[in-house]
Amino acid sequence: MGELVLAADLGGTNLRVAAVDGDGQVLHHVRERTPHDPDPMTIVHAIADLAEKCRCEVAGGESIKAIGVAVPAAMDVSQGLVHYAPNLPMLNGMHMAAELERVVGLHVVLENDATSAAIGEHWLGASRDAQVSICVTLGTGVGGGLIINGQPHRGPDGTAGEIGHICLEPDGHPCGCGSWGCLEQYASATAVQRLAKEALATSTTSVLKDSPALTAQDVYQAAVAGDEAAICVFRKMGSYLGLALAGLINTLNPETIVIGGGMSAAWDVFIEYTREQISKRAFHEPAVRVKLVRAELGDDAGILGVARLALSS
């Protein structure tokens, strides 16, 4: 058996760890709920426990060379230092790589979760032939990862690719980052819920009025069924996304933009509005060149991205 690594995807809700081989095959996979204990070492030990389970389940597990961890945070990758993890604030300021290395006994590679997804899609997914690509993850928030000249681009402070915090409305809805009017407030699952509630304030006929606990999935199903209020929500969501992507196309001239995350499942009800804004606002040549595609690796994009980093570490 060739090289083996472990790869962990640490989310605000779920923690997943997998054993991955050099070809990107997931050999074993385990998950549990992400602990939210104030002590950050609780998360370190949770990763270590799942890593050990994976190691014991795969042949050759004793020869695993490293573990990669995708973290929803701004970080200094070279130092393994978490600067700011909005959904896991107990990790803020933690030298997480060093702590995990001490507990697990393996070399540890940390990476931002959206950058990890971009690396995974570039390795084995929708952007594998592109030298310049953008990966946008639409979920509870909006994340982004950049591949420039075939390599992940992080920037000197590790914050490159924060697409969700491009400001589109200077006096818009407050964002958790401390600013206002960020893309995240108009194109995420939580944004769709908020926009739907706002739409219901002026609609007397929408079927969404009968949804006691309105979810983004409810809004999507209503849009597919032809509900005008729900369609209006996705028209707004798709347009804001297109506005942000048009600026990125003019700035980076990417070959491919990959859209993933849970909200990408609503592709059919928002993407025409996204393309419309790109066509209107981006320079003609790069707008025609760029391929706007759905992610191919699903939930495994981040896992495979940090596996790729661990394999090459």
Protein backbone atom coordinates (compact mmCIF):
# COMPACT_ATOMS: atom_id res chain seq x y z
CA MET A 1 0.00 0.00 0.00
CA GLY A 2 1.25 3.53 -0.86
CA GLU A 3 1.33 6.59 1.31
CA LEU A 4 -1.49 7.14 3.77
CA VAL A 5 -2.55 10.28 5.63
CA LEU A 6 -5.35 11.29 7.92
CA ALA A 7 -7.55 14.26 7.07
CA ALA A 8 -9.96 16.09 9.37
CA ASP A 9 -12.72 18.55 8.50
CA LEU A 10 -13.59 20.58 11.59
CA GLY A 11 -16.94 22.30 11.21
CA GLY A 12 -19.05 24.30 13.59
CA THR A 13 -21.52 21.40 13.78
CA ASN A 14 -19.68 18.23 12.73
CA LEU A 15 -16.14 16.89 12.97
CA ARG A 16 -15.12 14.35 10.32
CA VAL A 17 -11.86 12.42 10.03
CA ALA A 18 -10.82 10.11 7.20
CA ALA A 19 -7.90 7.95 6.18
CA VAL A 20 -6.90 8.83 2.61
CA ASP A 21 -4.38 7.24 0.24
CA GLY A 22 -2.10 8.91 -2.28
CA ASP A 23 -4.71 8.65 -5.04
CA GLY A 24 -7.35 10.46 -2.98
CA GLN A 25 -9.31 7.35 -2.08
CA VAL A 26 -11.10 7.63 1.27
CA LEU A 27 -10.38 4.31 2.99
CA HIS A 28 -12.23 4.89 6.23
CA HIS A 29 -14.36 7.70 7.57
CA VAL A 30 -15.74 8.62 11.01
CA ARG A 31 -17.65 11.59 12.35
CA GLU A 32 -19.12 13.04 15.52
CA ARG A 33 -20.64 16.29 16.71
CA THR A 34 -18.11 19.06 17.19
CA PRO A 35 -17.62 19.70 20.91
CA HIS A 36 -18.20 23.27 22.07
CA ASP A 37 -16.47 23.11 25.43
CA PRO A 38 -14.72 26.39 26.34
CA ASP A 39 -11.46 24.44 26.67
CA PRO A 40 -9.92 24.27 23.16
CA MET A 41 -8.08 21.08 24.05
CA THR A 42 -11.45 19.29 24.00
CA ILE A 43 -11.49 19.74 20.22
CA VAL A 44 -7.85 18.63 19.96
CA HIS A 45 -8.62 15.43 21.86
CA ALA A 46 -11.78 14.82 19.79
CA ILE A 47 -9.71 15.00 16.58
CA ALA A 48 -7.08 12.73 18.14
CA ASP A 49 -9.68 10.14 19.18
CA LEU A 50 -11.24 9.97 15.70
CA ALA A 51 -7.79 9.89 14.11
CA GLU A 52 -6.88 6.86 16.21
CA LYS A 53 -10.11 5.11 15.17
CA CYS A 54 -9.25 5.65 11.52
CA ARG A 55 -5.67 4.55 12.02
CA CYS A 56 -6.82 1.28 13.58
CA GLU A 57 -9.28 0.52 10.76
CA VAL A 58 -6.94 0.71 7.78
CA ALA A 59 -4.25 -1.71 6.73
CA GLY A 60 -0.92 0.04 7.01
CA GLY A 61 -2.34 2.51 9.49
CA GLU A 62 0.84 2.33 11.51
CA SER A 63 2.68 4.02 8.62
CA ILE A 64 0.44 7.08 8.32
CA LYS A 65 2.78 10.01 7.68
CA ALA A 66 0.75 13.11 8.68
CA ILE A 67 -2.66 14.57 9.45
CA GLY A 68 -4.24 17.57 7.72
CA VAL A 69 -6.97 19.58 9.41
CA ALA A 70 -9.40 21.96 7.68
CA VAL A 71 -10.49 24.65 10.15
CA PRO A 72 -13.17 27.33 9.67
CA ALA A 73 -10.81 30.14 10.63
CA ALA A 74 -8.39 32.79 9.51
CA MET A 75 -4.96 31.46 10.40
CA ASP A 76 -1.21 31.60 9.92
CA VAL A 77 -0.71 28.28 8.13
CA SER A 78 3.07 28.37 8.43
CA GLN A 79 2.85 28.69 12.22
CA GLY A 80 -0.21 26.47 12.69
CA LEU A 81 -1.78 29.40 14.55
CA VAL A 82 -5.52 30.09 14.57
CA HIS A 83 -6.20 33.82 14.53
CA TYR A 84 -9.99 34.00 14.38
CA ALA A 85 -12.55 31.19 14.28
CA PRO A 86 -15.98 32.89 14.47
CA ASN A 87 -17.94 29.66 15.02
CA LEU A 88 -15.32 28.07 17.31
CA PRO A 89 -14.01 31.05 19.30
CA MET A 90 -12.32 28.83 21.90
CA LEU A 91 -9.63 28.21 19.25
CA ASN A 92 -8.76 31.90 18.81
CA GLY A 93 -5.05 32.47 19.42
CA MET A 94 -4.27 28.75 19.72
CA HIS A 95 -1.15 27.17 18.22
CA MET A 96 -3.38 24.31 17.17
CA ALA A 97 -0.91 22.42 14.99
CA ALA A 98 1.64 22.15 17.81
CA GLU A 99 -0.98 21.05 20.36
CA LEU A 100 -2.45 18.44 18.03
CA GLU A 101 1.00 17.20 17.03
CA ARG A 102 1.85 16.68 20.70
CA VAL A 103 -1.30 14.62 21.30
CA VAL A 104 -1.48 12.66 18.03
CA GLY A 105 2.22 12.14 17.48
CA LEU A 106 2.04 12.96 13.76
CA HIS A 107 3.11 15.91 11.67
CA VAL A 108 0.11 18.27 11.46
CA VAL A 109 -0.90 20.58 8.61
CA LEU A 110 -3.62 23.19 9.17
CA GLU A 111 -5.59 24.95 6.44
CA ASN A 112 -8.63 27.20 6.17
CA ASP A 113 -11.70 25.12 5.33
CA ALA A 114 -12.68 26.97 2.14
CA THR A 115 -9.08 26.96 0.88
CA SER A 116 -9.03 23.23 1.62
CA ALA A 117 -12.14 22.79 -0.53
CA ALA A 118 -10.47 24.77 -3.33
CA ILE A 119 -7.40 22.52 -3.12
CA GLY A 120 -9.57 19.39 -3.15
CA GLU A 121 -11.56 20.52 -6.18
CA HIS A 122 -8.34 21.49 -7.97
CA TRP A 123 -6.78 18.09 -7.23
CA LEU A 124 -9.67 15.77 -8.06
CA GLY A 125 -12.76 17.84 -8.77
CA ALA A 126 -14.35 20.51 -10.89
CA SER A 127 -11.29 22.76 -11.36
CA ARG A 128 -8.61 20.12 -11.86
CA ASP A 129 -7.51 21.51 -15.23
CA ALA A 130 -7.45 25.18 -14.21
CA GLN A 131 -4.38 27.19 -13.26
CA VAL A 132 -6.50 30.04 -11.87
CA SER A 133 -9.72 29.13 -10.08
CA ILE A 134 -12.03 30.36 -7.36
CA CYS A 135 -13.99 28.07 -5.05
CA VAL A 136 -17.05 29.56 -3.36
CA THR A 137 -18.76 27.63 -0.57
CA LEU A 138 -22.37 28.62 0.10
CA GLY A 139 -23.50 27.27 3.45
CA THR A 140 -24.40 28.80 6.79
CA GLY A 141 -21.93 31.47 5.70
CA VAL A 142 -20.04 32.12 2.48
CA GLY A 143 -16.44 30.94 2.19
CA GLY A 144 -13.89 31.21 -0.56
CA GLY A 145 -10.59 29.72 -1.68
CA LEU A 146 -8.21 30.86 -4.41
CA ILE A 147 -5.90 28.85 -6.64
CA ILE A 148 -3.38 31.02 -8.48
CA ASN A 149 -0.88 29.47 -10.91
CA GLY A 150 -1.95 26.07 -9.67
CA GLN A 151 -1.18 26.85 -6.02
CA PRO A 152 -3.39 27.93 -3.09
CA HIS A 153 -3.19 31.67 -2.50
CA ARG A 154 -3.47 32.61 1.18
CA GLY A 155 -1.93 36.07 1.36
CA PRO A 156 0.63 37.24 3.94
CA ASP A 157 -1.96 37.27 6.73
CA GLY A 158 -3.73 34.08 5.72
CA THR A 159 -6.99 35.86 4.92
CA ALA A 160 -7.01 35.81 1.10
CA GLY A 161 -10.19 34.37 -0.36
CA GLU A 162 -12.65 35.80 2.18
CA ILE A 163 -15.22 36.17 -0.58
CA GLY A 164 -18.12 36.14 1.87
CA HIS A 165 -16.95 39.46 3.26
CA ILE A 166 -16.87 41.45 0.05
CA CYS A 167 -19.08 44.45 0.83
CA LEU A 168 -21.99 44.84 -1.57
CA GLU A 169 -24.22 47.18 0.45
CA PRO A 170 -22.25 49.77 2.50
CA ASP A 171 -25.24 50.36 4.79
CA GLY A 172 -26.62 46.85 4.49
CA HIS A 173 -27.37 44.09 6.96
CA PRO A 174 -24.85 43.74 9.82
CA CYS A 175 -22.37 40.89 9.40
CA GLY A 176 -20.70 38.74 12.05
CA CYS A 177 -17.31 39.96 10.80
CA GLY A 178 -18.12 43.45 12.14
CA SER A 179 -18.90 45.06 8.80
CA TRP A 180 -22.21 45.59 7.01
CA GLY A 181 -23.68 44.42 3.74
CA CYS A 182 -21.25 41.54 3.11
CA LEU A 183 -22.02 38.92 0.47
CA GLU A 184 -22.53 36.44 3.32
CA GLN A 185 -25.60 38.42 4.35
CA TYR A 186 -27.19 37.97 0.92
CA ALA A 187 -26.07 34.60 -0.47
CA SER A 188 -25.83 32.15 2.45
CA ALA A 189 -28.47 29.77 3.82
CA THR A 190 -29.08 32.09 6.77
CA ALA A 191 -29.41 34.99 4.34
CA VAL A 192 -32.03 33.10 2.33
CA GLN A 193 -34.01 32.52 5.54
CA ARG A 194 -33.84 36.22 6.43
CA LEU A 195 -34.69 37.40 2.93
CA ALA A 196 -37.68 35.04 2.87
CA LYS A 197 -39.00 36.42 6.14
CA GLU A 198 -38.62 39.94 4.78
CA ALA A 199 -40.47 38.93 1.60
CA LEU A 200 -43.32 37.48 3.63
CA ALA A 201 -43.90 40.87 5.22
CA THR A 202 -45.32 42.10 1.89
CA SER A 203 -46.76 38.85 0.48
CA THR A 204 -50.23 37.59 1.30
CA THR A 205 -50.23 34.55 -0.98
CA SER A 206 -46.89 32.81 -0.48
CA VAL A 207 -47.01 29.19 0.67
CA LEU A 208 -44.07 30.04 2.92
CA LYS A 209 -46.54 31.60 5.35
CA ASP A 210 -47.49 28.05 6.32
CA SER A 211 -43.91 27.09 7.27
CA PRO A 212 -43.67 27.32 11.08
CA ALA A 213 -39.85 27.09 11.20
CA LEU A 214 -38.75 28.51 7.88
CA THR A 215 -35.58 26.93 6.44
CA ALA A 216 -33.58 27.57 3.28
CA GLN A 217 -34.81 24.18 2.06
CA ASP A 218 -38.43 25.35 2.48
CA VAL A 219 -37.69 28.43 0.40
CA TYR A 220 -36.02 26.34 -2.30
CA GLN A 221 -38.93 23.91 -2.53
CA ALA A 222 -41.36 26.81 -2.75
CA ALA A 223 -39.31 28.40 -5.54
CA VAL A 224 -39.29 25.13 -7.51
CA ALA A 225 -43.07 24.99 -7.09
CA GLY A 226 -43.39 28.49 -8.57
CA ASP A 227 -43.96 30.55 -5.43
CA GLU A 228 -43.26 34.16 -6.46
CA ALA A 229 -41.96 35.31 -3.06
CA ALA A 230 -39.47 32.42 -2.95
CA ILE A 231 -38.40 33.03 -6.55
CA CYS A 232 -37.79 36.68 -5.65
CA VAL A 233 -35.54 35.58 -2.77
CA PHE A 234 -33.36 33.47 -5.06
CA ARG A 235 -33.36 36.20 -7.72
CA LYS A 236 -31.88 38.53 -5.11
CA MET A 237 -29.48 35.90 -3.77
CA GLY A 238 -28.23 34.94 -7.23
CA SER A 239 -27.87 38.57 -8.29
CA TYR A 240 -25.76 39.49 -5.27
CA LEU A 241 -23.57 36.45 -5.86
CA GLY A 242 -23.13 37.46 -9.50
CA LEU A 243 -22.25 41.00 -8.49
CA ALA A 244 -19.45 39.75 -6.24
CA LEU A 245 -18.20 37.21 -8.80
CA ALA A 246 -18.13 39.82 -11.57
CA GLY A 247 -15.68 41.87 -9.51
CA LEU A 248 -13.55 38.80 -8.87
CA ILE A 249 -13.56 37.91 -12.57
CA ASN A 250 -12.31 41.39 -13.42
CA THR A 251 -9.66 41.16 -10.70
CA LEU A 252 -8.36 37.60 -11.12
CA ASN A 253 -9.41 36.51 -14.63
CA PRO A 254 -10.12 32.91 -13.47
CA GLU A 255 -10.64 29.98 -15.80
CA THR A 256 -13.10 28.30 -13.45
CA ILE A 257 -15.37 29.31 -10.58
CA VAL A 258 -16.55 26.34 -8.52
CA ILE A 259 -19.65 26.75 -6.39
CA GLY A 260 -20.13 24.28 -3.55
CA GLY A 261 -21.62 24.06 -0.07
CA GLY A 262 -25.16 23.14 0.92
CA MET A 263 -26.78 26.06 -0.88
CA SER A 264 -25.32 24.93 -4.20
CA ALA A 265 -28.18 22.39 -4.19
CA ALA A 266 -30.43 25.33 -5.11
CA TRP A 267 -28.31 25.96 -8.25
CA ASP A 268 -31.25 25.68 -10.64
CA VAL A 269 -33.19 28.55 -9.01
CA PHE A 270 -30.39 31.11 -8.62
CA ILE A 271 -27.66 30.52 -11.20
CA GLU A 272 -29.35 32.32 -14.13
CA TYR A 273 -29.40 35.52 -12.07
CA THR A 274 -25.75 35.03 -11.16
CA ARG A 275 -24.80 34.61 -14.81
CA GLU A 276 -26.90 37.64 -15.75
CA GLN A 277 -24.95 39.90 -13.39
CA ILE A 278 -21.61 38.50 -14.56
CA SER A 279 -22.60 39.18 -18.15
CA LYS A 280 -23.65 42.74 -17.32
CA ARG A 281 -20.75 43.72 -15.08
CA ALA A 282 -17.59 41.77 -15.91
CA PHE A 283 -15.29 42.52 -18.83
CA HIS A 284 -16.50 40.61 -21.86
CA GLU A 285 -13.51 38.35 -22.57
CA PRO A 286 -13.00 37.01 -19.02
CA ALA A 287 -16.78 36.72 -18.52
CA VAL A 288 -17.05 34.54 -21.63
CA ARG A 289 -13.94 32.53 -20.76
CA VAL A 290 -14.81 31.63 -17.17
CA LYS A 291 -16.55 28.33 -16.47
CA LEU A 292 -19.13 28.59 -13.70
CA VAL A 293 -19.57 25.04 -12.39
CA ARG A 294 -20.92 23.11 -9.44
CA ALA A 295 -18.47 21.43 -7.08
CA GLU A 296 -17.93 17.72 -7.76
CA LEU A 297 -16.56 16.46 -4.45
CA GLY A 298 -19.42 17.41 -2.12
CA ASP A 299 -18.64 17.13 1.59
CA ASP A 300 -15.29 15.47 0.81
CA ALA A 301 -13.74 18.54 -0.85
CA GLY A 302 -12.19 19.86 2.36
CA ILE A 303 -11.10 16.40 3.51
CA LEU A 304 -9.36 15.74 0.20
CA GLY A 305 -7.80 19.20 0.15
CA VAL A 306 -6.04 18.80 3.48
CA ALA A 307 -5.18 15.20 2.58
CA ARG A 308 -3.39 16.58 -0.47
CA LEU A 309 -1.45 19.02 1.74
CA ALA A 310 -0.57 16.28 4.23
CA LEU A 311 0.64 14.00 1.42
CA SER A 312 2.97 16.69 0.11
CA SER A 313 4.16 17.89 3.53
